[in-house]
Amino acid sequence: MPNKLAKNKISASTQQYLDIAEFRDDTIIMRDGTLRAVLLVASINFALKSEDEQNAIIASYVRFLNNIDFPLQIVIQSRELNIDNYLVFLRQKEKEQTNELLKLQTAEYLQYISELISLGKIMSKRFYVVVSYNPLSDKQKGFFSKLVGFLKPASLIKMKGEKFLRRRLELNRRVENIIGGLASIGINSVSLDTQSLIELFYNTYNPETSANQKLVDINQIRVAE
């Protein structure tokens, strides 16, 4: 009996606990029918800017925020940087180096990197902006609409092509607005495509597995009809 219960628990997919229903055409479709787009955003070293440059950046950022009339989420993802493969590469280059001076410099650089790692973890940061589109805000929903959405979320995510295209068009307008606003501050950004979105969530929810097992290209996946 315990083994049977254990099997039932293992067979339950974690996907049922996620609010994501589908990835389609560079867009995330949520279970409640709302859409999301994710932008990968570059960073700027604010501390190295002059006082005038800093004030100009702040003023541009204020204008950027004032021009937004929809929800926006800023996500900062910090990960420990694994440079084991880089160290292996350096050791191989040291062995292959025929010039004694370059070989010595490579060895010194390798020792420097090794000592730097021993002092603490090296972290990498990525910045994302999540743009959302909700055709019907929660304030406009009635009690029974919310109840139906809670009990039968699957019925809400089966979005017809025409409806999806209309909503994605509005979402794309917001994305272009954000990209233009960030560019005015001097920050470059790019919208993630479907493959990048799947990889983002795969790496986020499976940090250990994703380090050793990479996702295949979704274009190579064939679903039997």
C-alpha atoms as a PDB file:
ATOM      1  CA  MET A   1       0.000   0.000   0.000  1.00  0.00           C
ATOM      2  CA  PRO A   2       2.747   2.550   0.872  1.00  0.00           C
ATOM      3  CA  ASN A   3       4.533   1.744  -2.400  1.00  0.00           C
ATOM      4  CA  LYS A   4       1.361   2.425  -4.340  1.00  0.00           C
ATOM      5  CA  LEU A   5       0.929   5.789  -2.647  1.00  0.00           C
ATOM      6  CA  ALA A   6       4.545   6.636  -3.326  1.00  0.00           C
ATOM      7  CA  LYS A   7       4.107   5.837  -7.015  1.00  0.00           C
ATOM      8  CA  ASN A   8       1.039   8.059  -7.176  1.00  0.00           C
ATOM      9  CA  LYS A   9       2.974  10.927  -5.629  1.00  0.00           C
ATOM     10  CA  ILE A  10       5.880  10.510  -8.027  1.00  0.00           C
ATOM     11  CA  SER A  11       3.617  10.298 -11.066  1.00  0.00           C
ATOM     12  CA  ALA A  12       2.057  13.685 -10.234  1.00  0.00           C
ATOM     13  CA  SER A  13       3.652  16.299 -12.461  1.00  0.00           C
ATOM     14  CA  THR A  14       4.908  19.577 -11.009  1.00  0.00           C
ATOM     15  CA  GLN A  15       3.432  21.265 -14.070  1.00  0.00           C
ATOM     16  CA  GLN A  16       0.003  21.226 -12.440  1.00  0.00           C
ATOM     17  CA  TYR A  17       1.300  23.603  -9.751  1.00  0.00           C
ATOM     18  CA  LEU A  18       2.550  26.199 -12.252  1.00  0.00           C
ATOM     19  CA  ASP A  19       0.413  29.060 -13.503  1.00  0.00           C
ATOM     20  CA  ILE A  20       1.836  28.634 -17.008  1.00  0.00           C
ATOM     21  CA  ALA A  21      -0.467  26.925 -19.483  1.00  0.00           C
ATOM     22  CA  GLU A  22       1.473  27.153 -22.737  1.00  0.00           C
ATOM     23  CA  PHE A  23       4.398  28.689 -24.605  1.00  0.00           C
ATOM     24  CA  ARG A  24       3.290  29.894 -28.028  1.00  0.00           C
ATOM     25  CA  ASP A  25       4.863  32.240 -30.582  1.00  0.00           C
ATOM     26  CA  ASP A  26       7.353  33.895 -28.186  1.00  0.00           C
ATOM     27  CA  THR A  27       4.548  34.365 -25.649  1.00  0.00           C
ATOM     28  CA  ILE A  28       3.617  32.812 -22.314  1.00  0.00           C
ATOM     29  CA  ILE A  29      -0.057  31.981 -21.946  1.00  0.00           C
ATOM     30  CA  MET A  30      -1.154  31.776 -18.328  1.00  0.00           C
ATOM     31  CA  ARG A  31      -3.900  29.509 -17.031  1.00  0.00           C
ATOM     32  CA  ASP A  32      -6.218  32.478 -16.512  1.00  0.00           C
ATOM     33  CA  GLY A  33      -5.905  33.506 -20.175  1.00  0.00           C
ATOM     34  CA  THR A  34      -3.526  36.441 -19.637  1.00  0.00           C
ATOM     35  CA  LEU A  35      -0.312  36.783 -21.642  1.00  0.00           C
ATOM     36  CA  ARG A  36       3.292  37.461 -20.724  1.00  0.00           C
ATOM     37  CA  ALA A  37       6.384  38.504 -22.657  1.00  0.00           C
ATOM     38  CA  VAL A  38       9.864  38.518 -21.144  1.00  0.00           C
ATOM     39  CA  LEU A  39      12.661  40.915 -22.066  1.00  0.00           C
ATOM     40  CA  LEU A  40      16.326  40.229 -21.387  1.00  0.00           C
ATOM     41  CA  VAL A  41      17.761  43.587 -20.341  1.00  0.00           C
ATOM     42  CA  ALA A  42      21.383  44.724 -20.369  1.00  0.00           C
ATOM     43  CA  SER A  43      22.830  46.570 -17.396  1.00  0.00           C
ATOM     44  CA  ILE A  44      24.741  49.822 -17.048  1.00  0.00           C
ATOM     45  CA  ASN A  45      27.364  50.654 -14.434  1.00  0.00           C
ATOM     46  CA  PHE A  46      25.608  53.560 -12.772  1.00  0.00           C
ATOM     47  CA  ALA A  47      28.384  54.106 -10.207  1.00  0.00           C
ATOM     48  CA  LEU A  48      30.979  54.828 -12.907  1.00  0.00           C
ATOM     49  CA  LYS A  49      28.884  57.544 -14.514  1.00  0.00           C
ATOM     50  CA  SER A  50      29.500  61.216 -13.837  1.00  0.00           C
ATOM     51  CA  GLU A  51      27.037  63.151 -11.696  1.00  0.00           C
ATOM     52  CA  ASP A  52      25.459  64.778 -14.759  1.00  0.00           C
ATOM     53  CA  GLU A  53      25.112  61.391 -16.461  1.00  0.00           C
ATOM     54  CA  GLN A  54      23.549  59.890 -13.352  1.00  0.00           C
ATOM     55  CA  ASN A  55      21.021  62.708 -13.118  1.00  0.00           C
ATOM     56  CA  ALA A  56      20.170  62.288 -16.814  1.00  0.00           C
ATOM     57  CA  ILE A  57      19.648  58.536 -16.322  1.00  0.00           C
ATOM     58  CA  ILE A  58      17.405  59.119 -13.303  1.00  0.00           C
ATOM     59  CA  ALA A  59      15.336  61.704 -15.177  1.00  0.00           C
ATOM     60  CA  SER A  60      14.948  59.357 -18.150  1.00  0.00           C
ATOM     61  CA  TYR A  61      13.948  56.524 -15.840  1.00  0.00           C
ATOM     62  CA  VAL A  62      11.280  58.690 -14.195  1.00  0.00           C
ATOM     63  CA  ARG A  63       9.850  59.597 -17.620  1.00  0.00           C
ATOM     64  CA  PHE A  64       9.931  55.936 -18.572  1.00  0.00           C
ATOM     65  CA  LEU A  65       7.894  54.955 -15.497  1.00  0.00           C
ATOM     66  CA  ASN A  66       5.416  57.799 -15.961  1.00  0.00           C
ATOM     67  CA  ASN A  67       4.658  56.623 -19.508  1.00  0.00           C
ATOM     68  CA  ILE A  68       3.683  53.110 -18.371  1.00  0.00           C
ATOM     69  CA  ASP A  69       0.003  52.490 -17.692  1.00  0.00           C
ATOM     70  CA  PHE A  70       0.128  48.708 -17.301  1.00  0.00           C
ATOM     71  CA  PRO A  71       1.715  46.264 -14.821  1.00  0.00           C
ATOM     72  CA  LEU A  72       5.436  45.638 -15.166  1.00  0.00           C
ATOM     73  CA  GLN A  73       7.681  43.229 -13.275  1.00  0.00           C
ATOM     74  CA  ILE A  74      11.456  43.525 -12.925  1.00  0.00           C
ATOM     75  CA  VAL A  75      13.266  40.285 -12.116  1.00  0.00           C
ATOM     76  CA  ILE A  76      16.935  39.947 -11.155  1.00  0.00           C
ATOM     77  CA  GLN A  77      18.288  36.405 -11.359  1.00  0.00           C
ATOM     78  CA  SER A  78      21.553  35.698  -9.572  1.00  0.00           C
ATOM     79  CA  ARG A  79      23.367  32.431 -10.230  1.00  0.00           C
ATOM     80  CA  GLU A  80      26.675  30.956  -9.152  1.00  0.00           C
ATOM     81  CA  LEU A  81      28.979  30.958 -12.158  1.00  0.00           C
ATOM     82  CA  ASN A  82      30.467  27.566 -12.956  1.00  0.00           C
ATOM     83  CA  ILE A  83      33.857  28.066 -14.596  1.00  0.00           C
ATOM     84  CA  ASP A  84      35.155  24.490 -14.323  1.00  0.00           C
ATOM     85  CA  ASN A  85      35.154  24.106 -18.104  1.00  0.00           C
ATOM     86  CA  TYR A  86      37.060  27.379 -18.420  1.00  0.00           C
ATOM     87  CA  LEU A  87      39.742  26.106 -16.017  1.00  0.00           C
ATOM     88  CA  VAL A  88      40.052  22.882 -18.007  1.00  0.00           C
ATOM     89  CA  PHE A  89      40.440  24.983 -21.154  1.00  0.00           C
ATOM     90  CA  LEU A  90      43.226  27.046 -19.554  1.00  0.00           C
ATOM     91  CA  ARG A  91      45.107  23.952 -18.370  1.00  0.00           C
ATOM     92  CA  GLN A  92      44.940  22.500 -21.866  1.00  0.00           C
ATOM     93  CA  LYS A  93      46.231  25.758 -23.375  1.00  0.00           C
ATOM     94  CA  GLU A  94      49.072  25.771 -20.858  1.00  0.00           C
ATOM     95  CA  LYS A  95      50.133  22.288 -21.980  1.00  0.00           C
ATOM     96  CA  GLU A  96      49.884  23.176 -25.673  1.00  0.00           C
ATOM     97  CA  GLN A  97      51.797  26.466 -25.361  1.00  0.00           C
ATOM     98  CA  THR A  98      55.242  26.304 -27.003  1.00  0.00           C
ATOM     99  CA  ASN A  99      56.361  29.809 -26.071  1.00  0.00           C
ATOM    100  CA  GLU A 100      57.869  29.640 -22.570  1.00  0.00           C
ATOM    101  CA  LEU A 101      56.883  33.205 -21.670  1.00  0.00           C
ATOM    102  CA  LEU A 102      53.264  32.698 -22.742  1.00  0.00           C
ATOM    103  CA  LYS A 103      53.211  29.350 -20.957  1.00  0.00           C
ATOM    104  CA  LEU A 104      54.371  31.024 -17.745  1.00  0.00           C
ATOM    105  CA  GLN A 105      51.792  33.798 -18.097  1.00  0.00           C
ATOM    106  CA  THR A 106      49.030  31.254 -18.687  1.00  0.00           C
ATOM    107  CA  ALA A 107      50.079  29.355 -15.565  1.00  0.00           C
ATOM    108  CA  GLU A 108      50.085  32.565 -13.498  1.00  0.00           C
ATOM    109  CA  TYR A 109      46.669  33.534 -14.819  1.00  0.00           C
ATOM    110  CA  LEU A 110      45.341  30.061 -14.023  1.00  0.00           C
ATOM    111  CA  GLN A 111      46.667  30.335 -10.475  1.00  0.00           C
ATOM    112  CA  TYR A 112      45.094  33.785 -10.110  1.00  0.00           C
ATOM    113  CA  ILE A 113      41.670  32.495 -11.201  1.00  0.00           C
ATOM    114  CA  SER A 114      41.957  29.500  -8.860  1.00  0.00           C
ATOM    115  CA  GLU A 115      42.814  31.748  -5.910  1.00  0.00           C
ATOM    116  CA  LEU A 116      39.972  34.106  -6.807  1.00  0.00           C
ATOM    117  CA  ILE A 117      37.487  31.213  -6.731  1.00  0.00           C
ATOM    118  CA  SER A 118      38.807  30.034  -3.365  1.00  0.00           C
ATOM    119  CA  LEU A 119      38.018  33.442  -1.830  1.00  0.00           C
ATOM    120  CA  GLY A 120      34.319  33.276  -2.659  1.00  0.00           C
ATOM    121  CA  LYS A 121      31.669  32.349  -5.173  1.00  0.00           C
ATOM    122  CA  ILE A 122      31.601  34.154  -8.496  1.00  0.00           C
ATOM    123  CA  MET A 123      28.055  35.181  -9.293  1.00  0.00           C
ATOM    124  CA  SER A 124      26.444  36.127 -12.578  1.00  0.00           C
ATOM    125  CA  LYS A 125      23.371  38.343 -12.756  1.00  0.00           C
ATOM    126  CA  ARG A 126      20.722  38.615 -15.421  1.00  0.00           C
ATOM    127  CA  PHE A 127      17.989  41.199 -15.599  1.00  0.00           C
ATOM    128  CA  TYR A 128      14.517  40.583 -16.990  1.00  0.00           C
ATOM    129  CA  VAL A 129      11.424  42.690 -17.508  1.00  0.00           C
ATOM    130  CA  VAL A 130       8.091  40.851 -17.628  1.00  0.00           C
ATOM    131  CA  VAL A 131       5.382  42.569 -19.662  1.00  0.00           C
ATOM    132  CA  SER A 132       1.814  41.381 -19.116  1.00  0.00           C
ATOM    133  CA  TYR A 133      -1.495  41.776 -20.867  1.00  0.00           C
ATOM    134  CA  ASN A 134      -4.807  41.058 -19.162  1.00  0.00           C
ATOM    135  CA  PRO A 135      -7.865  41.672 -21.376  1.00  0.00           C
ATOM    136  CA  LEU A 136     -10.069  41.685 -18.313  1.00  0.00           C
ATOM    137  CA  SER A 137      -8.655  42.892 -15.018  1.00  0.00           C
ATOM    138  CA  ASP A 138      -9.499  41.089 -11.791  1.00  0.00           C
ATOM    139  CA  LYS A 139     -11.459  44.122 -10.618  1.00  0.00           C
ATOM    140  CA  GLN A 140     -13.828  43.710 -13.551  1.00  0.00           C
ATOM    141  CA  LYS A 141     -14.383  40.015 -12.963  1.00  0.00           C
ATOM    142  CA  GLY A 142     -17.449  38.959 -11.049  1.00  0.00           C
ATOM    143  CA  PHE A 143     -17.493  36.386  -8.278  1.00  0.00           C
ATOM    144  CA  PHE A 144     -18.846  33.603 -10.487  1.00  0.00           C
ATOM    145  CA  SER A 145     -16.324  34.356 -13.254  1.00  0.00           C
ATOM    146  CA  LYS A 146     -13.485  33.968 -10.768  1.00  0.00           C
ATOM    147  CA  LEU A 147     -15.042  30.782  -9.395  1.00  0.00           C
ATOM    148  CA  VAL A 148     -15.351  29.229 -12.847  1.00  0.00           C
ATOM    149  CA  GLY A 149     -11.790  30.222 -13.660  1.00  0.00           C
ATOM    150  CA  PHE A 150     -10.583  28.557 -10.485  1.00  0.00           C
ATOM    151  CA  LEU A 151     -12.536  25.330 -10.953  1.00  0.00           C
ATOM    152  CA  LYS A 152     -11.995  24.980 -14.705  1.00  0.00           C
ATOM    153  CA  PRO A 153      -8.737  26.725 -15.642  1.00  0.00           C
ATOM    154  CA  ALA A 154      -8.252  24.411 -18.617  1.00  0.00           C
ATOM    155  CA  SER A 155     -11.343  25.846 -20.310  1.00  0.00           C
ATOM    156  CA  LEU A 156      -9.807  29.297 -20.160  1.00  0.00           C
ATOM    157  CA  ILE A 157      -6.455  28.395 -21.688  1.00  0.00           C
ATOM    158  CA  LYS A 158      -7.883  26.846 -24.847  1.00  0.00           C
ATOM    159  CA  MET A 159      -7.507  30.110 -26.678  1.00  0.00           C
ATOM    160  CA  LYS A 160      -8.565  30.231 -30.299  1.00  0.00           C
ATOM    161  CA  GLY A 161      -6.077  31.470 -32.843  1.00  0.00           C
ATOM    162  CA  GLU A 162      -7.883  34.709 -33.670  1.00  0.00           C
ATOM    163  CA  LYS A 163      -8.321  35.657 -30.014  1.00  0.00           C
ATOM    164  CA  PHE A 164      -4.677  34.860 -29.284  1.00  0.00           C
ATOM    165  CA  LEU A 165      -3.480  36.992 -32.194  1.00  0.00           C
ATOM    166  CA  ARG A 166      -5.536  39.976 -31.006  1.00  0.00           C
ATOM    167  CA  ARG A 167      -4.171  39.714 -27.479  1.00  0.00           C
ATOM    168  CA  ARG A 168      -0.621  39.132 -28.631  1.00  0.00           C
ATOM    169  CA  LEU A 169      -0.836  42.204 -30.864  1.00  0.00           C
ATOM    170  CA  GLU A 170      -1.672  44.333 -27.828  1.00  0.00           C
ATOM    171  CA  LEU A 171       1.093  42.657 -25.839  1.00  0.00           C
ATOM    172  CA  ASN A 172       3.602  43.352 -28.630  1.00  0.00           C
ATOM    173  CA  ARG A 173       2.641  47.041 -28.540  1.00  0.00           C
ATOM    174  CA  ARG A 174       3.497  47.118 -24.862  1.00  0.00           C
ATOM    175  CA  VAL A 175       6.761  45.285 -25.485  1.00  0.00           C
ATOM    176  CA  GLU A 176       7.789  47.809 -28.150  1.00  0.00           C
ATOM    177  CA  ASN A 177       6.896  50.612 -25.748  1.00  0.00           C
ATOM    178  CA  ILE A 178       9.137  49.125 -23.061  1.00  0.00           C
ATOM    179  CA  ILE A 179      12.038  48.464 -25.449  1.00  0.00           C
ATOM    180  CA  GLY A 180      11.843  52.058 -26.704  1.00  0.00           C
ATOM    181  CA  GLY A 181      11.615  53.449 -23.184  1.00  0.00           C
ATOM    182  CA  LEU A 182      14.640  51.469 -22.011  1.00  0.00           C
ATOM    183  CA  ALA A 183      16.591  52.563 -25.092  1.00  0.00           C
ATOM    184  CA  SER A 184      15.962  56.188 -24.124  1.00  0.00           C
ATOM    185  CA  ILE A 185      17.797  55.473 -20.866  1.00  0.00           C
ATOM    186  CA  GLY A 186      20.678  53.862 -22.758  1.00  0.00           C
ATOM    187  CA  ILE A 187      19.680  50.291 -21.867  1.00  0.00           C
ATOM    188  CA  ASN A 188      19.443  47.658 -24.584  1.00  0.00           C
ATOM    189  CA  SER A 189      16.828  44.907 -24.333  1.00  0.00           C
ATOM    190  CA  VAL A 190      15.544  42.033 -26.442  1.00  0.00           C
ATOM    191  CA  SER A 191      12.360  39.987 -26.294  1.00  0.00           C
ATOM    192  CA  LEU A 192      12.915  36.285 -25.592  1.00  0.00           C
ATOM    193  CA  ASP A 193      11.670  33.844 -28.221  1.00  0.00           C
ATOM    194  CA  THR A 194       9.856  30.588 -27.428  1.00  0.00           C
ATOM    195  CA  GLN A 195      13.045  28.525 -27.101  1.00  0.00           C
ATOM    196  CA  SER A 196      14.632  31.096 -24.772  1.00  0.00           C
ATOM    197  CA  LEU A 197      11.481  31.298 -22.631  1.00  0.00           C
ATOM    198  CA  ILE A 198      11.382  27.533 -22.153  1.00  0.00           C
ATOM    199  CA  GLU A 199      15.087  27.455 -21.314  1.00  0.00           C
ATOM    200  CA  LEU A 200      14.642  30.307 -18.832  1.00  0.00           C
ATOM    201  CA  PHE A 201      11.978  28.474 -16.848  1.00  0.00           C
ATOM    202  CA  TYR A 202      13.741  25.134 -17.210  1.00  0.00           C
ATOM    203  CA  ASN A 203      16.961  26.586 -15.772  1.00  0.00           C
ATOM    204  CA  THR A 204      15.038  28.452 -13.056  1.00  0.00           C
ATOM    205  CA  TYR A 205      13.097  25.461 -11.763  1.00  0.00           C
ATOM    206  CA  ASN A 206      15.882  22.914 -12.386  1.00  0.00           C
ATOM    207  CA  PRO A 207      19.167  24.662 -11.561  1.00  0.00           C
ATOM    208  CA  GLU A 208      21.115  21.463 -10.851  1.00  0.00           C
ATOM    209  CA  THR A 209      19.689  19.368 -13.684  1.00  0.00           C
ATOM    210  CA  SER A 210      20.034  22.120 -16.272  1.00  0.00           C
ATOM    211  CA  ALA A 211      23.772  22.410 -15.554  1.00  0.00           C
ATOM    212  CA  ASN A 212      24.331  18.870 -16.848  1.00  0.00           C
ATOM    213  CA  GLN A 213      21.359  18.291 -19.142  1.00  0.00           C
ATOM    214  CA  LYS A 214      20.632  20.935 -21.758  1.00  0.00           C
ATOM    215  CA  LEU A 215      17.297  21.302 -23.500  1.00  0.00           C
ATOM    216  CA  VAL A 216      16.975  20.261 -27.116  1.00  0.00           C
ATOM    217  CA  ASP A 217      15.866  22.721 -29.765  1.00  0.00           C
ATOM    218  CA  ILE A 218      12.065  22.822 -29.812  1.00  0.00           C
ATOM    219  CA  ASN A 219      12.170  22.763 -33.614  1.00  0.00           C
ATOM    220  CA  GLN A 220      13.620  19.256 -33.387  1.00  0.00           C
ATOM    221  CA  ILE A 221      10.717  18.007 -31.263  1.00  0.00           C
ATOM    222  CA  ARG A 222       8.063  16.105 -33.138  1.00  0.00           C
ATOM    223  CA  VAL A 223       4.685  15.468 -31.523  1.00  0.00           C
ATOM    224  CA  ALA A 224       2.741  12.496 -32.803  1.00  0.00           C
ATOM    225  CA  GLU A 225      -0.767  13.374 -33.892  1.00  0.00           C
END
